[in-house]
ModelCIF file with pLDDT and N, C-alpha, C, O atoms, coordinates in Angstrom:
data_MODEL
#
_entry.id   MODEL 
#
_entity.id                         1 
_entity.type                       polymer 
_entity.pdbx_number_of_molecules   1 
#
_entity_poly.entity_id                      1 
_entity_poly.type                           'polypeptide(L)' 
_entity_poly.nstd_linkage                   no 
_entity_poly.nstd_monomer                   no 
_entity_poly.pdbx_seq_one_letter_code       PIEKQKFKNSEGNDILFSKITEEDDIKSATRIYNA 
_entity_poly.pdbx_seq_one_letter_code_can   PIEKQKFKNSEGNDILFSKITEEDDIKSATRIYNA 
_entity_poly.pdbx_strand_id                 A 
#
loop_
_entity_poly_seq.entity_id 
_entity_poly_seq.num 
_entity_poly_seq.mon_id 
_entity_poly_seq.hetero 
1 1  PRO n 
1 2  ILE n 
1 3  GLU n 
1 4  LYS n 
1 5  GLN n 
1 6  LYS n 
1 7  PHE n 
1 8  LYS n 
1 9  ASN n 
1 10 SER n 
1 11 GLU n 
1 12 GLY n 
1 13 ASN n 
1 14 ASP n 
1 15 ILE n 
1 16 LEU n 
1 17 PHE n 
1 18 SER n 
1 19 LYS n 
1 20 ILE n 
1 21 THR n 
1 22 GLU n 
1 23 GLU n 
1 24 ASP n 
1 25 ASP n 
1 26 ILE n 
1 27 LYS n 
1 28 SER n 
1 29 ALA n 
1 30 THR n 
1 31 ARG n 
1 32 ILE n 
1 33 TYR n 
1 34 ASN n 
1 35 ALA n 
#
_struct_asym.id          A 
_struct_asym.entity_id   1 
#
loop_
_ma_qa_metric.id 
_ma_qa_metric.mode 
_ma_qa_metric.name 
_ma_qa_metric.software_group_id 
_ma_qa_metric.type 
1 global pLDDT . pLDDT 
2 local  pLDDT . pLDDT 
#
_ma_qa_metric_global.metric_id      1 
_ma_qa_metric_global.metric_value   85.94 
_ma_qa_metric_global.model_id       1 
_ma_qa_metric_global.ordinal_id     1 
#
loop_
_ma_qa_metric_local.label_asym_id 
_ma_qa_metric_local.label_comp_id 
_ma_qa_metric_local.label_seq_id 
_ma_qa_metric_local.metric_id 
_ma_qa_metric_local.metric_value 
_ma_qa_metric_local.model_id 
_ma_qa_metric_local.ordinal_id 
A PRO 1  2 92.00 1 1  
A ILE 2  2 92.00 1 2  
A GLU 3  2 91.00 1 3  
A LYS 4  2 88.00 1 4  
A GLN 5  2 89.00 1 5  
A LYS 6  2 87.00 1 6  
A PHE 7  2 87.00 1 7  
A LYS 8  2 79.00 1 8  
A ASN 9  2 76.00 1 9  
A SER 10 2 72.00 1 10 
A GLU 11 2 75.00 1 11 
A GLY 12 2 74.00 1 12 
A ASN 13 2 81.00 1 13 
A ASP 14 2 84.00 1 14 
A ILE 15 2 87.00 1 15 
A LEU 16 2 89.00 1 16 
A PHE 17 2 88.00 1 17 
A SER 18 2 86.00 1 18 
A LYS 19 2 86.00 1 19 
A ILE 20 2 85.00 1 20 
A THR 21 2 83.00 1 21 
A GLU 22 2 86.00 1 22 
A GLU 23 2 86.00 1 23 
A ASP 24 2 84.00 1 24 
A ASP 25 2 85.00 1 25 
A ILE 26 2 88.00 1 26 
A LYS 27 2 89.00 1 27 
A SER 28 2 88.00 1 28 
A ALA 29 2 89.00 1 29 
A THR 30 2 91.00 1 30 
A ARG 31 2 89.00 1 31 
A ILE 32 2 89.00 1 32 
A TYR 33 2 91.00 1 33 
A ASN 34 2 92.00 1 34 
A ALA 35 2 90.00 1 35 
#
loop_
_atom_site.group_PDB 
_atom_site.id 
_atom_site.type_symbol 
_atom_site.label_atom_id 
_atom_site.label_alt_id 
_atom_site.label_comp_id 
_atom_site.label_asym_id 
_atom_site.label_entity_id 
_atom_site.label_seq_id 
_atom_site.pdbx_PDB_ins_code 
_atom_site.Cartn_x 
_atom_site.Cartn_y 
_atom_site.Cartn_z 
_atom_site.occupancy 
_atom_site.B_iso_or_equiv 
_atom_site.pdbx_formal_charge 
_atom_site.auth_seq_id 
_atom_site.auth_comp_id 
_atom_site.auth_asym_id 
_atom_site.auth_atom_id 
_atom_site.pdbx_PDB_model_num 
ATOM 1   N N  . PRO A 1 1  ? -140.408 -38.741 -45.208 1.00 92.00 ? 1  PRO A N  1 
ATOM 2   C CA . PRO A 1 1  ? -139.973 -40.305 -45.864 1.00 92.00 ? 1  PRO A CA 1 
ATOM 3   C C  . PRO A 1 1  ? -138.584 -39.951 -46.415 1.00 92.00 ? 1  PRO A C  1 
ATOM 4   O O  . PRO A 1 1  ? -138.048 -38.862 -46.623 1.00 92.00 ? 1  PRO A O  1 
ATOM 5   N N  . ILE A 1 2  ? -138.080 -41.500 -46.622 1.00 92.00 ? 2  ILE A N  1 
ATOM 6   C CA . ILE A 1 2  ? -136.810 -41.088 -46.403 1.00 92.00 ? 2  ILE A CA 1 
ATOM 7   C C  . ILE A 1 2  ? -136.453 -41.497 -48.197 1.00 92.00 ? 2  ILE A C  1 
ATOM 8   O O  . ILE A 1 2  ? -135.449 -42.113 -48.556 1.00 92.00 ? 2  ILE A O  1 
ATOM 9   N N  . GLU A 1 3  ? -137.141 -41.171 -48.785 1.00 91.00 ? 3  GLU A N  1 
ATOM 10  C CA . GLU A 1 3  ? -136.663 -40.792 -50.534 1.00 91.00 ? 3  GLU A CA 1 
ATOM 11  C C  . GLU A 1 3  ? -136.424 -39.295 -50.460 1.00 91.00 ? 3  GLU A C  1 
ATOM 12  O O  . GLU A 1 3  ? -135.813 -38.745 -51.376 1.00 91.00 ? 3  GLU A O  1 
ATOM 13  N N  . LYS A 1 4  ? -136.870 -38.612 -49.426 1.00 88.00 ? 4  LYS A N  1 
ATOM 14  C CA . LYS A 1 4  ? -136.587 -36.494 -49.516 1.00 88.00 ? 4  LYS A CA 1 
ATOM 15  C C  . LYS A 1 4  ? -135.338 -36.280 -48.405 1.00 88.00 ? 4  LYS A C  1 
ATOM 16  O O  . LYS A 1 4  ? -135.118 -35.210 -47.837 1.00 88.00 ? 4  LYS A O  1 
ATOM 17  N N  . GLN A 1 5  ? -134.492 -37.642 -48.196 1.00 89.00 ? 5  GLN A N  1 
ATOM 18  C CA . GLN A 1 5  ? -133.486 -37.119 -47.113 1.00 89.00 ? 5  GLN A CA 1 
ATOM 19  C C  . GLN A 1 5  ? -132.249 -37.147 -47.981 1.00 89.00 ? 5  GLN A C  1 
ATOM 20  O O  . GLN A 1 5  ? -132.173 -37.741 -49.056 1.00 89.00 ? 5  GLN A O  1 
ATOM 21  N N  . LYS A 1 6  ? -131.435 -36.552 -47.497 1.00 87.00 ? 6  LYS A N  1 
ATOM 22  C CA . LYS A 1 6  ? -129.936 -36.328 -48.234 1.00 87.00 ? 6  LYS A CA 1 
ATOM 23  C C  . LYS A 1 6  ? -128.996 -37.149 -47.206 1.00 87.00 ? 6  LYS A C  1 
ATOM 24  O O  . LYS A 1 6  ? -129.001 -36.813 -46.022 1.00 87.00 ? 6  LYS A O  1 
ATOM 25  N N  . PHE A 1 7  ? -128.006 -38.467 -47.748 1.00 87.00 ? 7  PHE A N  1 
ATOM 26  C CA . PHE A 1 7  ? -127.457 -38.732 -47.068 1.00 87.00 ? 7  PHE A CA 1 
ATOM 27  C C  . PHE A 1 7  ? -126.092 -38.283 -48.007 1.00 87.00 ? 7  PHE A C  1 
ATOM 28  O O  . PHE A 1 7  ? -125.953 -37.624 -49.038 1.00 87.00 ? 7  PHE A O  1 
ATOM 29  N N  . LYS A 1 8  ? -125.102 -39.052 -47.019 1.00 79.00 ? 8  LYS A N  1 
ATOM 30  C CA . LYS A 1 8  ? -123.133 -39.154 -47.893 1.00 79.00 ? 8  LYS A CA 1 
ATOM 31  C C  . LYS A 1 8  ? -123.239 -40.324 -48.669 1.00 79.00 ? 8  LYS A C  1 
ATOM 32  O O  . LYS A 1 8  ? -123.941 -41.240 -48.239 1.00 79.00 ? 8  LYS A O  1 
ATOM 33  N N  . ASN A 1 9  ? -122.566 -40.455 -49.902 1.00 76.00 ? 9  ASN A N  1 
ATOM 34  C CA . ASN A 1 9  ? -122.633 -42.113 -50.474 1.00 76.00 ? 9  ASN A CA 1 
ATOM 35  C C  . ASN A 1 9  ? -121.140 -42.154 -50.206 1.00 76.00 ? 9  ASN A C  1 
ATOM 36  O O  . ASN A 1 9  ? -120.499 -41.386 -49.488 1.00 76.00 ? 9  ASN A O  1 
ATOM 37  N N  . SER A 1 10 ? -120.827 -42.889 -50.707 1.00 72.00 ? 10 SER A N  1 
ATOM 38  C CA . SER A 1 10 ? -119.536 -43.627 -50.758 1.00 72.00 ? 10 SER A CA 1 
ATOM 39  C C  . SER A 1 10 ? -117.875 -42.415 -50.925 1.00 72.00 ? 10 SER A C  1 
ATOM 40  O O  . SER A 1 10 ? -116.733 -42.611 -50.512 1.00 72.00 ? 10 SER A O  1 
ATOM 41  N N  . GLU A 1 11 ? -118.446 -41.265 -51.670 1.00 75.00 ? 11 GLU A N  1 
ATOM 42  C CA . GLU A 1 11 ? -117.574 -40.405 -52.636 1.00 75.00 ? 11 GLU A CA 1 
ATOM 43  C C  . GLU A 1 11 ? -117.488 -39.626 -51.632 1.00 75.00 ? 11 GLU A C  1 
ATOM 44  O O  . GLU A 1 11 ? -116.594 -38.779 -51.635 1.00 75.00 ? 11 GLU A O  1 
ATOM 45  N N  . GLY A 1 12 ? -118.686 -39.752 -50.173 1.00 74.00 ? 12 GLY A N  1 
ATOM 46  C CA . GLY A 1 12 ? -118.485 -38.058 -49.134 1.00 74.00 ? 12 GLY A CA 1 
ATOM 47  C C  . GLY A 1 12 ? -119.460 -37.212 -49.747 1.00 74.00 ? 12 GLY A C  1 
ATOM 48  O O  . GLY A 1 12 ? -119.614 -36.054 -49.356 1.00 74.00 ? 12 GLY A O  1 
ATOM 49  N N  . ASN A 1 13 ? -120.257 -37.797 -50.855 1.00 81.00 ? 13 ASN A N  1 
ATOM 50  C CA . ASN A 1 13 ? -121.089 -36.256 -51.212 1.00 81.00 ? 13 ASN A CA 1 
ATOM 51  C C  . ASN A 1 13 ? -122.688 -36.027 -50.844 1.00 81.00 ? 13 ASN A C  1 
ATOM 52  O O  . ASN A 1 13 ? -123.448 -36.962 -51.096 1.00 81.00 ? 13 ASN A O  1 
ATOM 53  N N  . ASP A 1 14 ? -123.106 -35.089 -50.388 1.00 84.00 ? 14 ASP A N  1 
ATOM 54  C CA . ASP A 1 14 ? -124.536 -35.243 -49.702 1.00 84.00 ? 14 ASP A CA 1 
ATOM 55  C C  . ASP A 1 14 ? -125.220 -35.412 -51.352 1.00 84.00 ? 14 ASP A C  1 
ATOM 56  O O  . ASP A 1 14 ? -124.889 -34.833 -52.386 1.00 84.00 ? 14 ASP A O  1 
ATOM 57  N N  . ILE A 1 15 ? -126.402 -36.552 -51.083 1.00 87.00 ? 15 ILE A N  1 
ATOM 58  C CA . ILE A 1 15 ? -127.427 -37.156 -52.289 1.00 87.00 ? 15 ILE A CA 1 
ATOM 59  C C  . ILE A 1 15 ? -128.306 -37.920 -51.709 1.00 87.00 ? 15 ILE A C  1 
ATOM 60  O O  . ILE A 1 15 ? -128.032 -38.716 -50.811 1.00 87.00 ? 15 ILE A O  1 
ATOM 61  N N  . LEU A 1 16 ? -129.986 -37.633 -52.422 1.00 89.00 ? 16 LEU A N  1 
ATOM 62  C CA . LEU A 1 16 ? -130.937 -37.580 -51.879 1.00 89.00 ? 16 LEU A CA 1 
ATOM 63  C C  . LEU A 1 16 ? -130.607 -39.514 -52.033 1.00 89.00 ? 16 LEU A C  1 
ATOM 64  O O  . LEU A 1 16 ? -129.965 -40.224 -52.807 1.00 89.00 ? 16 LEU A O  1 
ATOM 65  N N  . PHE A 1 17 ? -131.481 -39.738 -50.796 1.00 88.00 ? 17 PHE A N  1 
ATOM 66  C CA . PHE A 1 17 ? -131.645 -41.206 -50.608 1.00 88.00 ? 17 PHE A CA 1 
ATOM 67  C C  . PHE A 1 17 ? -131.938 -42.173 -52.145 1.00 88.00 ? 17 PHE A C  1 
ATOM 68  O O  . PHE A 1 17 ? -131.244 -43.125 -52.502 1.00 88.00 ? 17 PHE A O  1 
ATOM 69  N N  . SER A 1 18 ? -132.900 -41.731 -52.734 1.00 86.00 ? 18 SER A N  1 
ATOM 70  C CA . SER A 1 18 ? -133.576 -41.586 -53.822 1.00 86.00 ? 18 SER A CA 1 
ATOM 71  C C  . SER A 1 18 ? -132.665 -41.799 -55.466 1.00 86.00 ? 18 SER A C  1 
ATOM 72  O O  . SER A 1 18 ? -133.027 -42.360 -56.500 1.00 86.00 ? 18 SER A O  1 
ATOM 73  N N  . LYS A 1 19 ? -131.572 -41.182 -55.164 1.00 86.00 ? 19 LYS A N  1 
ATOM 74  C CA . LYS A 1 19 ? -130.452 -41.357 -56.279 1.00 86.00 ? 19 LYS A CA 1 
ATOM 75  C C  . LYS A 1 19 ? -129.080 -41.703 -55.605 1.00 86.00 ? 19 LYS A C  1 
ATOM 76  O O  . LYS A 1 19 ? -127.988 -41.184 -55.837 1.00 86.00 ? 19 LYS A O  1 
ATOM 77  N N  . ILE A 1 20 ? -129.566 -43.281 -54.199 1.00 85.00 ? 20 ILE A N  1 
ATOM 78  C CA . ILE A 1 20 ? -128.121 -43.690 -54.468 1.00 85.00 ? 20 ILE A CA 1 
ATOM 79  C C  . ILE A 1 20 ? -128.442 -44.918 -54.832 1.00 85.00 ? 20 ILE A C  1 
ATOM 80  O O  . ILE A 1 20 ? -129.589 -45.366 -54.830 1.00 85.00 ? 20 ILE A O  1 
ATOM 81  N N  . THR A 1 21 ? -127.252 -45.622 -55.220 1.00 83.00 ? 21 THR A N  1 
ATOM 82  C CA . THR A 1 21 ? -127.143 -46.700 -55.790 1.00 83.00 ? 21 THR A CA 1 
ATOM 83  C C  . THR A 1 21 ? -126.468 -47.958 -55.490 1.00 83.00 ? 21 THR A C  1 
ATOM 84  O O  . THR A 1 21 ? -126.717 -49.120 -55.809 1.00 83.00 ? 21 THR A O  1 
ATOM 85  N N  . GLU A 1 22 ? -125.244 -47.242 -54.563 1.00 86.00 ? 22 GLU A N  1 
ATOM 86  C CA . GLU A 1 22 ? -124.751 -48.373 -53.788 1.00 86.00 ? 22 GLU A CA 1 
ATOM 87  C C  . GLU A 1 22 ? -125.438 -49.207 -52.783 1.00 86.00 ? 22 GLU A C  1 
ATOM 88  O O  . GLU A 1 22 ? -126.053 -48.652 -51.873 1.00 86.00 ? 22 GLU A O  1 
ATOM 89  N N  . GLU A 1 23 ? -125.380 -50.617 -52.879 1.00 86.00 ? 23 GLU A N  1 
ATOM 90  C CA . GLU A 1 23 ? -126.242 -51.399 -52.012 1.00 86.00 ? 23 GLU A CA 1 
ATOM 91  C C  . GLU A 1 23 ? -125.850 -50.719 -50.503 1.00 86.00 ? 23 GLU A C  1 
ATOM 92  O O  . GLU A 1 23 ? -126.691 -50.413 -49.657 1.00 86.00 ? 23 GLU A O  1 
ATOM 93  N N  . ASP A 1 24 ? -124.463 -50.562 -50.371 1.00 84.00 ? 24 ASP A N  1 
ATOM 94  C CA . ASP A 1 24 ? -123.981 -50.378 -48.980 1.00 84.00 ? 24 ASP A CA 1 
ATOM 95  C C  . ASP A 1 24 ? -124.512 -49.168 -48.492 1.00 84.00 ? 24 ASP A C  1 
ATOM 96  O O  . ASP A 1 24 ? -125.243 -48.931 -47.530 1.00 84.00 ? 24 ASP A O  1 
ATOM 97  N N  . ASP A 1 25 ? -123.639 -47.957 -49.945 1.00 85.00 ? 25 ASP A N  1 
ATOM 98  C CA . ASP A 1 25 ? -124.790 -46.770 -48.759 1.00 85.00 ? 25 ASP A CA 1 
ATOM 99  C C  . ASP A 1 25 ? -126.405 -46.827 -48.695 1.00 85.00 ? 25 ASP A C  1 
ATOM 100 O O  . ASP A 1 25 ? -126.983 -46.021 -47.965 1.00 85.00 ? 25 ASP A O  1 
ATOM 101 N N  . ILE A 1 26 ? -127.125 -47.749 -49.434 1.00 88.00 ? 26 ILE A N  1 
ATOM 102 C CA . ILE A 1 26 ? -128.218 -47.692 -49.105 1.00 88.00 ? 26 ILE A CA 1 
ATOM 103 C C  . ILE A 1 26 ? -128.674 -48.366 -48.118 1.00 88.00 ? 26 ILE A C  1 
ATOM 104 O O  . ILE A 1 26 ? -129.724 -48.100 -47.534 1.00 88.00 ? 26 ILE A O  1 
ATOM 105 N N  . LYS A 1 27 ? -127.853 -49.375 -47.831 1.00 89.00 ? 27 LYS A N  1 
ATOM 106 C CA . LYS A 1 27 ? -127.958 -50.020 -46.127 1.00 89.00 ? 27 LYS A CA 1 
ATOM 107 C C  . LYS A 1 27 ? -127.701 -48.116 -44.724 1.00 89.00 ? 27 LYS A C  1 
ATOM 108 O O  . LYS A 1 27 ? -128.194 -47.543 -43.752 1.00 89.00 ? 27 LYS A O  1 
ATOM 109 N N  . SER A 1 28 ? -126.870 -48.064 -45.480 1.00 88.00 ? 28 SER A N  1 
ATOM 110 C CA . SER A 1 28 ? -126.080 -46.994 -44.191 1.00 88.00 ? 28 SER A CA 1 
ATOM 111 C C  . SER A 1 28 ? -127.478 -46.239 -44.462 1.00 88.00 ? 28 SER A C  1 
ATOM 112 O O  . SER A 1 28 ? -128.533 -46.605 -43.944 1.00 88.00 ? 28 SER A O  1 
ATOM 113 N N  . ALA A 1 29 ? -127.369 -45.241 -45.257 1.00 89.00 ? 29 ALA A N  1 
ATOM 114 C CA . ALA A 1 29 ? -128.987 -44.585 -44.998 1.00 89.00 ? 29 ALA A CA 1 
ATOM 115 C C  . ALA A 1 29 ? -129.881 -45.035 -44.370 1.00 89.00 ? 29 ALA A C  1 
ATOM 116 O O  . ALA A 1 29 ? -130.396 -44.394 -43.454 1.00 89.00 ? 29 ALA A O  1 
ATOM 117 N N  . THR A 1 30 ? -130.366 -46.527 -44.795 1.00 91.00 ? 30 THR A N  1 
ATOM 118 C CA . THR A 1 30 ? -131.566 -46.853 -43.955 1.00 91.00 ? 30 THR A CA 1 
ATOM 119 C C  . THR A 1 30 ? -131.096 -46.985 -42.603 1.00 91.00 ? 30 THR A C  1 
ATOM 120 O O  . THR A 1 30 ? -131.694 -46.520 -41.633 1.00 91.00 ? 30 THR A O  1 
ATOM 121 N N  . ARG A 1 31 ? -130.009 -47.631 -42.553 1.00 89.00 ? 31 ARG A N  1 
ATOM 122 C CA . ARG A 1 31 ? -130.190 -47.430 -41.028 1.00 89.00 ? 31 ARG A CA 1 
ATOM 123 C C  . ARG A 1 31 ? -130.174 -45.990 -40.137 1.00 89.00 ? 31 ARG A C  1 
ATOM 124 O O  . ARG A 1 31 ? -130.995 -45.643 -39.287 1.00 89.00 ? 31 ARG A O  1 
ATOM 125 N N  . ILE A 1 32 ? -129.115 -45.349 -40.552 1.00 89.00 ? 32 ILE A N  1 
ATOM 126 C CA . ILE A 1 32 ? -129.466 -43.684 -39.967 1.00 89.00 ? 32 ILE A CA 1 
ATOM 127 C C  . ILE A 1 32 ? -130.636 -42.928 -40.213 1.00 89.00 ? 32 ILE A C  1 
ATOM 128 O O  . ILE A 1 32 ? -130.771 -41.888 -39.569 1.00 89.00 ? 32 ILE A O  1 
ATOM 129 N N  . TYR A 1 33 ? -131.826 -43.381 -41.323 1.00 91.00 ? 33 TYR A N  1 
ATOM 130 C CA . TYR A 1 33 ? -132.701 -42.711 -41.150 1.00 91.00 ? 33 TYR A CA 1 
ATOM 131 C C  . TYR A 1 33 ? -133.798 -43.621 -39.884 1.00 91.00 ? 33 TYR A C  1 
ATOM 132 O O  . TYR A 1 33 ? -134.491 -43.153 -38.980 1.00 91.00 ? 33 TYR A O  1 
ATOM 133 N N  . ASN A 1 34 ? -133.603 -44.841 -40.250 1.00 92.00 ? 34 ASN A N  1 
ATOM 134 C CA . ASN A 1 34 ? -134.510 -45.891 -39.272 1.00 92.00 ? 34 ASN A CA 1 
ATOM 135 C C  . ASN A 1 34 ? -134.230 -45.397 -37.766 1.00 92.00 ? 34 ASN A C  1 
ATOM 136 O O  . ASN A 1 34 ? -135.184 -45.408 -36.987 1.00 92.00 ? 34 ASN A O  1 
ATOM 137 N N  . ALA A 1 35 ? -133.192 -45.041 -37.396 1.00 90.00 ? 35 ALA A N  1 
ATOM 138 C CA . ALA A 1 35 ? -132.604 -44.944 -35.862 1.00 90.00 ? 35 ALA A CA 1 
ATOM 139 C C  . ALA A 1 35 ? -133.191 -43.312 -35.728 1.00 90.00 ? 35 ALA A C  1 
ATOM 140 O O  . ALA A 1 35 ? -133.016 -42.677 -34.688 1.00 90.00 ? 35 ALA A O  1 
#
């Protein structure tokens, strides 16, 4: 599940998807995950 995957936020830090708050970061992570 996407919630268990880590992505980089706008500050460049690895963070769980469930912890991401910025809309652009959410869209970016979702695009990565879907691909």
